[in-house]
Amino acid sequence: MFAKFSIRAKIIAAVAFLLVALTGMGLLAVWNMRAINSSTVDITTNWLPSVRVLGELRAGVITYRNVIREHMLSETLEEKLAAEKTLASVVEMNTK
């Protein structure tokens, strides 16, 4: 089939085919990168702030539980009052 073409024509055809294939692969890569970028933008604008807030809430709840435990295990009135003062600041921090 290709026997009637010269070597020069065969090489030009092969190089042209490779250039077209590489161009197609490049366009496909750009198209896929746009899809990845849109997913990344969605995650950074919608999901990450929520995850950050949940992390802060979790930390606040853990701190609250520790202060309550400290209050319950306190033996003196001064320790209980100090724990209540700390508890008030923790509650204020968590309600923001």
PDB file of N, CA and C in Angstrom:
ATOM      1  N   MET A   1       0.824  -1.191   0.000  1.00  0.00           N
ATOM      2  CA  MET A   1       0.000   0.000   0.000  1.00  0.00           C
ATOM      3  C   MET A   1       0.872   1.259   0.000  1.00  0.00           C
ATOM      4  N   PHE A   2       1.875   1.282   0.885  1.00  0.00           N
ATOM      5  CA  PHE A   2       2.755   2.447   0.921  1.00  0.00           C
ATOM      6  C   PHE A   2       3.988   2.270   0.034  1.00  0.00           C
ATOM      7  N   ALA A   3       4.037   1.194  -0.687  1.00  0.00           N
ATOM      8  CA  ALA A   3       5.220   0.893  -1.500  1.00  0.00           C
ATOM      9  C   ALA A   3       5.405   1.891  -2.627  1.00  0.00           C
ATOM     10  N   LYS A   4       4.333   2.450  -3.114  1.00  0.00           N
ATOM     11  CA  LYS A   4       4.456   3.365  -4.246  1.00  0.00           C
ATOM     12  C   LYS A   4       4.905   4.766  -3.832  1.00  0.00           C
ATOM     13  N   PHE A   5       4.897   5.059  -2.518  1.00  0.00           N
ATOM     14  CA  PHE A   5       5.336   6.374  -2.040  1.00  0.00           C
ATOM     15  C   PHE A   5       6.833   6.359  -1.775  1.00  0.00           C
ATOM     16  N   SER A   6       7.445   7.520  -1.904  1.00  0.00           N
ATOM     17  CA  SER A   6       8.882   7.615  -1.630  1.00  0.00           C
ATOM     18  C   SER A   6       9.121   7.643  -0.122  1.00  0.00           C
ATOM     19  N   ILE A   7      10.361   7.396   0.265  1.00  0.00           N
ATOM     20  CA  ILE A   7      10.719   7.415   1.688  1.00  0.00           C
ATOM     21  C   ILE A   7      10.461   8.796   2.270  1.00  0.00           C
ATOM     22  N   ARG A   8      10.737   9.816   1.490  1.00  0.00           N
ATOM     23  CA  ARG A   8      10.506  11.189   1.943  1.00  0.00           C
ATOM     24  C   ARG A   8       9.030  11.406   2.252  1.00  0.00           C
ATOM     25  N   ALA A   9       8.155  10.964   1.407  1.00  0.00           N
ATOM     26  CA  ALA A   9       6.713  11.126   1.614  1.00  0.00           C
ATOM     27  C   ALA A   9       6.249  10.335   2.829  1.00  0.00           C
ATOM     28  N   LYS A  10       6.804   9.132   3.004  1.00  0.00           N
ATOM     29  CA  LYS A  10       6.439   8.311   4.155  1.00  0.00           C
ATOM     30  C   LYS A  10       6.865   8.978   5.463  1.00  0.00           C
ATOM     31  N   ILE A  11       8.073   9.530   5.488  1.00  0.00           N
ATOM     32  CA  ILE A  11       8.565  10.204   6.703  1.00  0.00           C
ATOM     33  C   ILE A  11       7.744  11.458   6.984  1.00  0.00           C
ATOM     34  N   ILE A  12       7.435  12.223   5.947  1.00  0.00           N
ATOM     35  CA  ILE A  12       6.608  13.424   6.128  1.00  0.00           C
ATOM     36  C   ILE A  12       5.236  13.042   6.657  1.00  0.00           C
ATOM     37  N   ALA A  13       4.648  11.975   6.137  1.00  0.00           N
ATOM     38  CA  ALA A  13       3.333  11.521   6.601  1.00  0.00           C
ATOM     39  C   ALA A  13       3.399  11.063   8.059  1.00  0.00           C
ATOM     40  N   ALA A  14       4.457  10.339   8.419  1.00  0.00           N
ATOM     41  CA  ALA A  14       4.598   9.864   9.798  1.00  0.00           C
ATOM     42  C   ALA A  14       4.774  11.031  10.764  1.00  0.00           C
ATOM     43  N   VAL A  15       5.604  11.998  10.395  1.00  0.00           N
ATOM     44  CA  VAL A  15       5.820  13.167  11.251  1.00  0.00           C
ATOM     45  C   VAL A  15       4.538  13.985  11.357  1.00  0.00           C
ATOM     46  N   ALA A  16       3.824  14.146  10.255  1.00  0.00           N
ATOM     47  CA  ALA A  16       2.558  14.891  10.285  1.00  0.00           C
ATOM     48  C   ALA A  16       1.544  14.184  11.173  1.00  0.00           C
ATOM     49  N   PHE A  17       1.476  12.852  11.076  1.00  0.00           N
ATOM     50  CA  PHE A  17       0.564  12.095  11.933  1.00  0.00           C
ATOM     51  C   PHE A  17       0.931  12.272  13.405  1.00  0.00           C
ATOM     52  N   LEU A  18       2.226  12.208  13.714  1.00  0.00           N
ATOM     53  CA  LEU A  18       2.666  12.392  15.097  1.00  0.00           C
ATOM     54  C   LEU A  18       2.343  13.794  15.608  1.00  0.00           C
ATOM     55  N   LEU A  19       2.518  14.808  14.762  1.00  0.00           N
ATOM     56  CA  LEU A  19       2.180  16.176  15.171  1.00  0.00           C
ATOM     57  C   LEU A  19       0.691  16.319  15.442  1.00  0.00           C
ATOM     58  N   VAL A  20      -0.135  15.722  14.587  1.00  0.00           N
ATOM     59  CA  VAL A  20      -1.586  15.778  14.802  1.00  0.00           C
ATOM     60  C   VAL A  20      -1.954  15.034  16.083  1.00  0.00           C
ATOM     61  N   ALA A  21      -1.339  13.872  16.304  1.00  0.00           N
ATOM     62  CA  ALA A  21      -1.620  13.103  17.514  1.00  0.00           C
ATOM     63  C   ALA A  21      -1.188  13.872  18.762  1.00  0.00           C
ATOM     64  N   LEU A  22      -0.012  14.482  18.727  1.00  0.00           N
ATOM     65  CA  LEU A  22       0.458  15.263  19.876  1.00  0.00           C
ATOM     66  C   LEU A  22      -0.423  16.476  20.126  1.00  0.00           C
ATOM     67  N   THR A  23      -0.874  17.120  19.055  1.00  0.00           N
ATOM     68  CA  THR A  23      -1.778  18.262  19.213  1.00  0.00           C
ATOM     69  C   THR A  23      -3.086  17.813  19.856  1.00  0.00           C
ATOM     70  N   GLY A  24      -3.610  16.679  19.403  1.00  0.00           N
ATOM     71  CA  GLY A  24      -4.836  16.140  19.999  1.00  0.00           C
ATOM     72  C   GLY A  24      -4.658  15.808  21.463  1.00  0.00           C
ATOM     73  N   MET A  25      -3.535  15.192  21.795  1.00  0.00           N
ATOM     74  CA  MET A  25      -3.272  14.869  23.198  1.00  0.00           C
ATOM     75  C   MET A  25      -3.122  16.134  24.035  1.00  0.00           C
ATOM     76  N   GLY A  26      -2.491  17.150  23.473  1.00  0.00           N
ATOM     77  CA  GLY A  26      -2.346  18.417  24.191  1.00  0.00           C
ATOM     78  C   GLY A  26      -3.686  19.077  24.449  1.00  0.00           C
ATOM     79  N   LEU A  27      -4.550  19.079  23.437  1.00  0.00           N
ATOM     80  CA  LEU A  27      -5.884  19.664  23.616  1.00  0.00           C
ATOM     81  C   LEU A  27      -6.695  18.880  24.638  1.00  0.00           C
ATOM     82  N   LEU A  28      -6.584  17.560  24.602  1.00  0.00           N
ATOM     83  CA  LEU A  28      -7.276  16.736  25.591  1.00  0.00           C
ATOM     84  C   LEU A  28      -6.756  17.027  27.000  1.00  0.00           C
ATOM     85  N   ALA A  29      -5.453  17.208  27.126  1.00  0.00           N
ATOM     86  CA  ALA A  29      -4.869  17.519  28.434  1.00  0.00           C
ATOM     87  C   ALA A  29      -5.356  18.869  28.949  1.00  0.00           C
ATOM     88  N   VAL A  30      -5.417  19.861  28.063  1.00  0.00           N
ATOM     89  CA  VAL A  30      -5.910  21.187  28.466  1.00  0.00           C
ATOM     90  C   VAL A  30      -7.367  21.091  28.893  1.00  0.00           C
ATOM     91  N   TRP A  31      -8.164  20.337  28.169  1.00  0.00           N
ATOM     92  CA  TRP A  31      -9.585  20.185  28.503  1.00  0.00           C
ATOM     93  C   TRP A  31      -9.740  19.512  29.869  1.00  0.00           C
ATOM     94  N   ASN A  32      -8.948  18.459  30.115  1.00  0.00           N
ATOM     95  CA  ASN A  32      -9.011  17.779  31.410  1.00  0.00           C
ATOM     96  C   ASN A  32      -8.495  18.666  32.540  1.00  0.00           C
ATOM     97  N   MET A  33      -7.486  19.474  32.275  1.00  0.00           N
ATOM     98  CA  MET A  33      -6.982  20.388  33.302  1.00  0.00           C
ATOM     99  C   MET A  33      -8.026  21.436  33.664  1.00  0.00           C
ATOM    100  N   ARG A  34      -8.815  21.867  32.697  1.00  0.00           N
ATOM    101  CA  ARG A  34      -9.898  22.811  33.008  1.00  0.00           C
ATOM    102  C   ARG A  34     -10.926  22.166  33.924  1.00  0.00           C
ATOM    103  N   ALA A  35     -11.244  20.896  33.674  1.00  0.00           N
ATOM    104  CA  ALA A  35     -12.191  20.187  34.539  1.00  0.00           C
ATOM    105  C   ALA A  35     -11.624  20.043  35.946  1.00  0.00           C
ATOM    106  N   ILE A  36     -10.342  19.717  36.041  1.00  0.00           N
ATOM    107  CA  ILE A  36      -9.701  19.593  37.353  1.00  0.00           C
ATOM    108  C   ILE A  36      -9.691  20.944  38.062  1.00  0.00           C
ATOM    109  N   ASN A  37      -9.412  22.011  37.321  1.00  0.00           N
ATOM    110  CA  ASN A  37      -9.389  23.346  37.918  1.00  0.00           C
ATOM    111  C   ASN A  37     -10.769  23.732  38.438  1.00  0.00           C
ATOM    112  N   SER A  38     -11.818  23.406  37.704  1.00  0.00           N
ATOM    113  CA  SER A  38     -13.157  23.761  38.176  1.00  0.00           C
ATOM    114  C   SER A  38     -13.494  22.990  39.447  1.00  0.00           C
ATOM    115  N   SER A  39     -13.077  21.723  39.524  1.00  0.00           N
ATOM    116  CA  SER A  39     -13.300  20.947  40.750  1.00  0.00           C
ATOM    117  C   SER A  39     -12.503  21.529  41.913  1.00  0.00           C
ATOM    118  N   THR A  40     -11.287  21.944  41.644  1.00  0.00           N
ATOM    119  CA  THR A  40     -10.442  22.528  42.685  1.00  0.00           C
ATOM    120  C   THR A  40     -11.029  23.834  43.203  1.00  0.00           C
ATOM    121  N   VAL A  41     -11.525  24.658  42.308  1.00  0.00           N
ATOM    122  CA  VAL A  41     -12.147  25.922  42.715  1.00  0.00           C
ATOM    123  C   VAL A  41     -13.380  25.642  43.565  1.00  0.00           C
ATOM    124  N   ASP A  42     -14.176  24.641  43.186  1.00  0.00           N
ATOM    125  CA  ASP A  42     -15.364  24.286  43.960  1.00  0.00           C
ATOM    126  C   ASP A  42     -14.974  23.843  45.365  1.00  0.00           C
ATOM    127  N   ILE A  43     -13.948  23.030  45.461  1.00  0.00           N
ATOM    128  CA  ILE A  43     -13.517  22.544  46.777  1.00  0.00           C
ATOM    129  C   ILE A  43     -12.995  23.689  47.632  1.00  0.00           C
ATOM    130  N   THR A  44     -12.167  24.558  47.051  1.00  0.00           N
ATOM    131  CA  THR A  44     -11.573  25.630  47.861  1.00  0.00           C
ATOM    132  C   THR A  44     -12.587  26.688  48.266  1.00  0.00           C
ATOM    133  N   THR A  45     -13.596  26.938  47.437  1.00  0.00           N
ATOM    134  CA  THR A  45     -14.548  27.995  47.780  1.00  0.00           C
ATOM    135  C   THR A  45     -15.725  27.495  48.600  1.00  0.00           C
ATOM    136  N   ASN A  46     -16.136  26.242  48.427  1.00  0.00           N
ATOM    137  CA  ASN A  46     -17.335  25.756  49.108  1.00  0.00           C
ATOM    138  C   ASN A  46     -17.039  24.788  50.243  1.00  0.00           C
ATOM    139  N   TRP A  47     -16.113  23.886  50.054  1.00  0.00           N
ATOM    140  CA  TRP A  47     -15.902  22.833  51.036  1.00  0.00           C
ATOM    141  C   TRP A  47     -14.920  23.213  52.131  1.00  0.00           C
ATOM    142  N   LEU A  48     -13.786  23.789  51.780  1.00  0.00           N
ATOM    143  CA  LEU A  48     -12.751  24.047  52.782  1.00  0.00           C
ATOM    144  C   LEU A  48     -13.185  24.997  53.892  1.00  0.00           C
ATOM    145  N   PRO A  49     -13.915  26.074  53.600  1.00  0.00           N
ATOM    146  CA  PRO A  49     -14.369  26.905  54.724  1.00  0.00           C
ATOM    147  C   PRO A  49     -15.249  26.126  55.701  1.00  0.00           C
ATOM    148  N   SER A  50     -16.096  25.250  55.188  1.00  0.00           N
ATOM    149  CA  SER A  50     -16.945  24.446  56.065  1.00  0.00           C
ATOM    150  C   SER A  50     -16.118  23.482  56.896  1.00  0.00           C
ATOM    151  N   VAL A  51     -15.120  22.873  56.278  1.00  0.00           N
ATOM    152  CA  VAL A  51     -14.251  21.951  57.007  1.00  0.00           C
ATOM    153  C   VAL A  51     -13.483  22.698  58.089  1.00  0.00           C
ATOM    154  N   ARG A  52     -13.040  23.911  57.784  1.00  0.00           N
ATOM    155  CA  ARG A  52     -12.313  24.716  58.767  1.00  0.00           C
ATOM    156  C   ARG A  52     -13.227  25.053  59.950  1.00  0.00           C
ATOM    157  N   VAL A  53     -14.465  25.434  59.669  1.00  0.00           N
ATOM    158  CA  VAL A  53     -15.409  25.760  60.742  1.00  0.00           C
ATOM    159  C   VAL A  53     -15.689  24.530  61.593  1.00  0.00           C
ATOM    160  N   LEU A  54     -15.846  23.374  60.950  1.00  0.00           N
ATOM    161  CA  LEU A  54     -16.081  22.148  61.713  1.00  0.00           C
ATOM    162  C   LEU A  54     -14.885  21.801  62.593  1.00  0.00           C
ATOM    163  N   GLY A  55     -13.685  22.031  62.100  1.00  0.00           N
ATOM    164  CA  GLY A  55     -12.494  21.786  62.909  1.00  0.00           C
ATOM    165  C   GLY A  55     -12.439  22.701  64.119  1.00  0.00           C
ATOM    166  N   GLU A  56     -12.778  23.968  63.910  1.00  0.00           N
ATOM    167  CA  GLU A  56     -12.801  24.912  65.029  1.00  0.00           C
ATOM    168  C   GLU A  56     -13.882  24.532  66.032  1.00  0.00           C
ATOM    169  N   LEU A  57     -15.040  24.099  65.539  1.00  0.00           N
ATOM    170  CA  LEU A  57     -16.121  23.679  66.429  1.00  0.00           C
ATOM    171  C   LEU A  57     -15.707  22.452  67.235  1.00  0.00           C
ATOM    172  N   ARG A  58     -15.058  21.513  66.580  1.00  0.00           N
ATOM    173  CA  ARG A  58     -14.595  20.308  67.270  1.00  0.00           C
ATOM    174  C   ARG A  58     -13.595  20.672  68.361  1.00  0.00           C
ATOM    175  N   ALA A  59     -12.663  21.557  68.044  1.00  0.00           N
ATOM    176  CA  ALA A  59     -11.676  21.980  69.042  1.00  0.00           C
ATOM    177  C   ALA A  59     -12.364  22.675  70.211  1.00  0.00           C
ATOM    178  N   GLY A  60     -13.378  23.497  69.918  1.00  0.00           N
ATOM    179  CA  GLY A  60     -14.110  24.176  70.978  1.00  0.00           C
ATOM    180  C   GLY A  60     -14.855  23.208  71.876  1.00  0.00           C
ATOM    181  N   VAL A  61     -15.456  22.188  71.279  1.00  0.00           N
ATOM    182  CA  VAL A  61     -16.178  21.187  72.073  1.00  0.00           C
ATOM    183  C   VAL A  61     -15.210  20.401  72.948  1.00  0.00           C
ATOM    184  N   ILE A  62     -14.056  20.064  72.409  1.00  0.00           N
ATOM    185  CA  ILE A  62     -13.055  19.336  73.204  1.00  0.00           C
ATOM    186  C   ILE A  62     -12.587  20.195  74.377  1.00  0.00           C
ATOM    187  N   THR A  63     -12.347  21.474  74.123  1.00  0.00           N
ATOM    188  CA  THR A  63     -11.932  22.378  75.199  1.00  0.00           C
ATOM    189  C   THR A  63     -13.033  22.497  76.246  1.00  0.00           C
ATOM    190  N   TYR A  64     -14.280  22.617  75.793  1.00  0.00           N
ATOM    191  CA  TYR A  64     -15.421  22.717  76.704  1.00  0.00           C
ATOM    192  C   TYR A  64     -15.501  21.472  77.591  1.00  0.00           C
ATOM    193  N   ARG A  65     -15.355  20.306  76.991  1.00  0.00           N
ATOM    194  CA  ARG A  65     -15.420  19.065  77.760  1.00  0.00           C
ATOM    195  C   ARG A  65     -14.281  18.985  78.777  1.00  0.00           C
ATOM    196  N   ASN A  66     -13.100  19.442  78.386  1.00  0.00           N
ATOM    197  CA  ASN A  66     -11.970  19.413  79.322  1.00  0.00           C
ATOM    198  C   ASN A  66     -12.195  20.348  80.504  1.00  0.00           C
ATOM    199  N   VAL A  67     -12.762  21.515  80.237  1.00  0.00           N
ATOM    200  CA  VAL A  67     -13.020  22.464  81.331  1.00  0.00           C
ATOM    201  C   VAL A  67     -14.108  21.918  82.252  1.00  0.00           C
ATOM    202  N   ILE A  68     -15.137  21.301  81.678  1.00  0.00           N
ATOM    203  CA  ILE A  68     -16.189  20.696  82.510  1.00  0.00           C
ATOM    204  C   ILE A  68     -15.600  19.579  83.378  1.00  0.00           C
ATOM    205  N   ARG A  69     -14.739  18.745  82.790  1.00  0.00           N
ATOM    206  CA  ARG A  69     -14.088  17.677  83.547  1.00  0.00           C
ATOM    207  C   ARG A  69     -13.233  18.265  84.670  1.00  0.00           C
ATOM    208  N   GLU A  70     -12.513  19.332  84.347  1.00  0.00           N
ATOM    209  CA  GLU A  70     -11.684  19.992  85.355  1.00  0.00           C
ATOM    210  C   GLU A  70     -12.555  20.538  86.486  1.00  0.00           C
ATOM    211  N   HIS A  71     -13.704  21.101  86.131  1.00  0.00           N
ATOM    212  CA  HIS A  71     -14.619  21.641  87.146  1.00  0.00           C
ATOM    213  C   HIS A  71     -15.156  20.519  88.033  1.00  0.00           C
ATOM    214  N   MET A  72     -15.519  19.403  87.411  1.00  0.00           N
ATOM    215  CA  MET A  72     -16.085  18.293  88.185  1.00  0.00           C
ATOM    216  C   MET A  72     -15.051  17.657  89.117  1.00  0.00           C
ATOM    217  N   LEU A  73     -13.795  17.672  88.705  1.00  0.00           N
ATOM    218  CA  LEU A  73     -12.753  17.054  89.524  1.00  0.00           C
ATOM    219  C   LEU A  73     -12.125  18.019  90.522  1.00  0.00           C
ATOM    220  N   SER A  74     -12.536  19.277  90.478  1.00  0.00           N
ATOM    221  CA  SER A  74     -11.984  20.266  91.411  1.00  0.00           C
ATOM    222  C   SER A  74     -12.434  19.945  92.824  1.00  0.00           C
ATOM    223  N   GLU A  75     -11.517  20.125  93.757  1.00  0.00           N
ATOM    224  CA  GLU A  75     -11.834  19.834  95.154  1.00  0.00           C
ATOM    225  C   GLU A  75     -12.086  21.091  95.966  1.00  0.00           C
ATOM    226  N   THR A  76     -11.482  22.201  95.559  1.00  0.00           N
ATOM    227  CA  THR A  76     -11.653  23.429  96.335  1.00  0.00           C
ATOM    228  C   THR A  76     -12.554  24.397  95.576  1.00  0.00           C
ATOM    229  N   LEU A  77     -13.077  25.342  96.331  1.00  0.00           N
ATOM    230  CA  LEU A  77     -13.954  26.348  95.740  1.00  0.00           C
ATOM    231  C   LEU A  77     -13.191  27.235  94.763  1.00  0.00           C
ATOM    232  N   GLU A  78     -11.936  27.540  95.075  1.00  0.00           N
ATOM    233  CA  GLU A  78     -11.137  28.390  94.187  1.00  0.00           C
ATOM    234  C   GLU A  78     -10.921  27.714  92.829  1.00  0.00           C
ATOM    235  N   GLU A  79     -10.649  26.411  92.864  1.00  0.00           N
ATOM    236  CA  GLU A  79     -10.460  25.681  91.605  1.00  0.00           C
ATOM    237  C   GLU A  79     -11.750  25.660  90.789  1.00  0.00           C
ATOM    238  N   LYS A  80     -12.879  25.481  91.481  1.00  0.00           N
ATOM    239  CA  LYS A  80     -14.170  25.476  90.783  1.00  0.00           C
ATOM    240  C   LYS A  80     -14.471  26.846  90.172  1.00  0.00           C
ATOM    241  N   LEU A  81     -14.174  27.923  90.914  1.00  0.00           N
ATOM    242  CA  LEU A  81     -14.410  29.264  90.388  1.00  0.00           C
ATOM    243  C   LEU A  81     -13.494  29.561  89.200  1.00  0.00           C
ATOM    244  N   ALA A  82     -12.245  29.109  89.280  1.00  0.00           N
ATOM    245  CA  ALA A  82     -11.322  29.309  88.161  1.00  0.00           C
ATOM    246  C   ALA A  82     -11.800  28.538  86.933  1.00  0.00           C
ATOM    247  N   ALA A  83     -12.302  27.327  87.148  1.00  0.00           N
ATOM    248  CA  ALA A  83     -12.813  26.533  86.030  1.00  0.00           C
ATOM    249  C   ALA A  83     -14.060  27.180  85.435  1.00  0.00           C
ATOM    250  N   GLU A  84     -14.914  27.752  86.287  1.00  0.00           N
ATOM    251  CA  GLU A  84     -16.112  28.430  85.779  1.00  0.00           C
ATOM    252  C   GLU A  84     -15.743  29.671  84.979  1.00  0.00           C
ATOM    253  N   LYS A  85     -14.720  30.385  85.425  1.00  0.00           N
ATOM    254  CA  LYS A  85     -14.261  31.557  84.679  1.00  0.00           C
ATOM    255  C   LYS A  85     -13.719  31.131  83.313  1.00  0.00           C
ATOM    256  N   THR A  86     -12.930  30.068  83.316  1.00  0.00           N
ATOM    257  CA  THR A  86     -12.414  29.540  82.048  1.00  0.00           C
ATOM    258  C   THR A  86     -13.559  29.059  81.171  1.00  0.00           C
ATOM    259  N   LEU A  87     -14.548  28.428  81.786  1.00  0.00           N
ATOM    260  CA  LEU A  87     -15.708  27.933  81.044  1.00  0.00           C
ATOM    261  C   LEU A  87     -16.464  29.074  80.384  1.00  0.00           C
ATOM    262  N   ALA A  88     -16.592  30.184  81.073  1.00  0.00           N
ATOM    263  CA  ALA A  88     -17.290  31.334  80.490  1.00  0.00           C
ATOM    264  C   ALA A  88     -16.551  31.843  79.255  1.00  0.00           C
ATOM    265  N   SER A  89     -15.228  31.890  79.320  1.00  0.00           N
ATOM    266  CA  SER A  89     -14.473  32.357  78.148  1.00  0.00           C
ATOM    267  C   SER A  89     -14.547  31.345  77.005  1.00  0.00           C
ATOM    268  N   VAL A  90     -14.573  30.053  77.335  1.00  0.00           N
ATOM    269  CA  VAL A  90     -14.687  29.026  76.287  1.00  0.00           C
ATOM    270  C   VAL A  90     -16.048  29.106  75.614  1.00  0.00           C
ATOM    271  N   VAL A  91     -17.095  29.285  76.403  1.00  0.00           N
ATOM    272  CA  VAL A  91     -18.442  29.397  75.829  1.00  0.00           C
ATOM    273  C   VAL A  91     -18.535  30.637  74.952  1.00  0.00           C
ATOM    274  N   GLU A  92     -17.949  31.738  75.397  1.00  0.00           N
ATOM    275  CA  GLU A  92     -17.958  32.966  74.594  1.00  0.00           C
ATOM    276  C   GLU A  92     -17.209  32.760  73.278  1.00  0.00           C
ATOM    277  N   MET A  93     -16.082  32.043  73.342  1.00  0.00           N
ATOM    278  CA  MET A  93     -15.307  31.773  72.134  1.00  0.00           C
ATOM    279  C   MET A  93     -16.082  30.874  71.165  1.00  0.00           C
ATOM    280  N   ASN A  94     -16.816  29.908  71.693  1.00  0.00           N
ATOM    281  CA  ASN A  94     -17.536  28.957  70.845  1.00  0.00           C
ATOM    282  C   ASN A  94     -18.797  29.543  70.229  1.00  0.00           C
ATOM    283  N   THR A  95     -19.331  30.608  70.808  1.00  0.00           N
ATOM    284  CA  THR A  95     -20.567  31.181  70.268  1.00  0.00           C
ATOM    285  C   THR A  95     -20.316  32.204  69.176  1.00  0.00           C
ATOM    286  N   LYS A  96     -19.066  32.510  68.884  1.00  0.00           N
ATOM    287  CA  LYS A  96     -18.754  33.483  67.828  1.00  0.00           C
ATOM    288  C   LYS A  96     -19.044  32.911  66.472  1.00  0.00           C
TER     289      LYS A  96
END
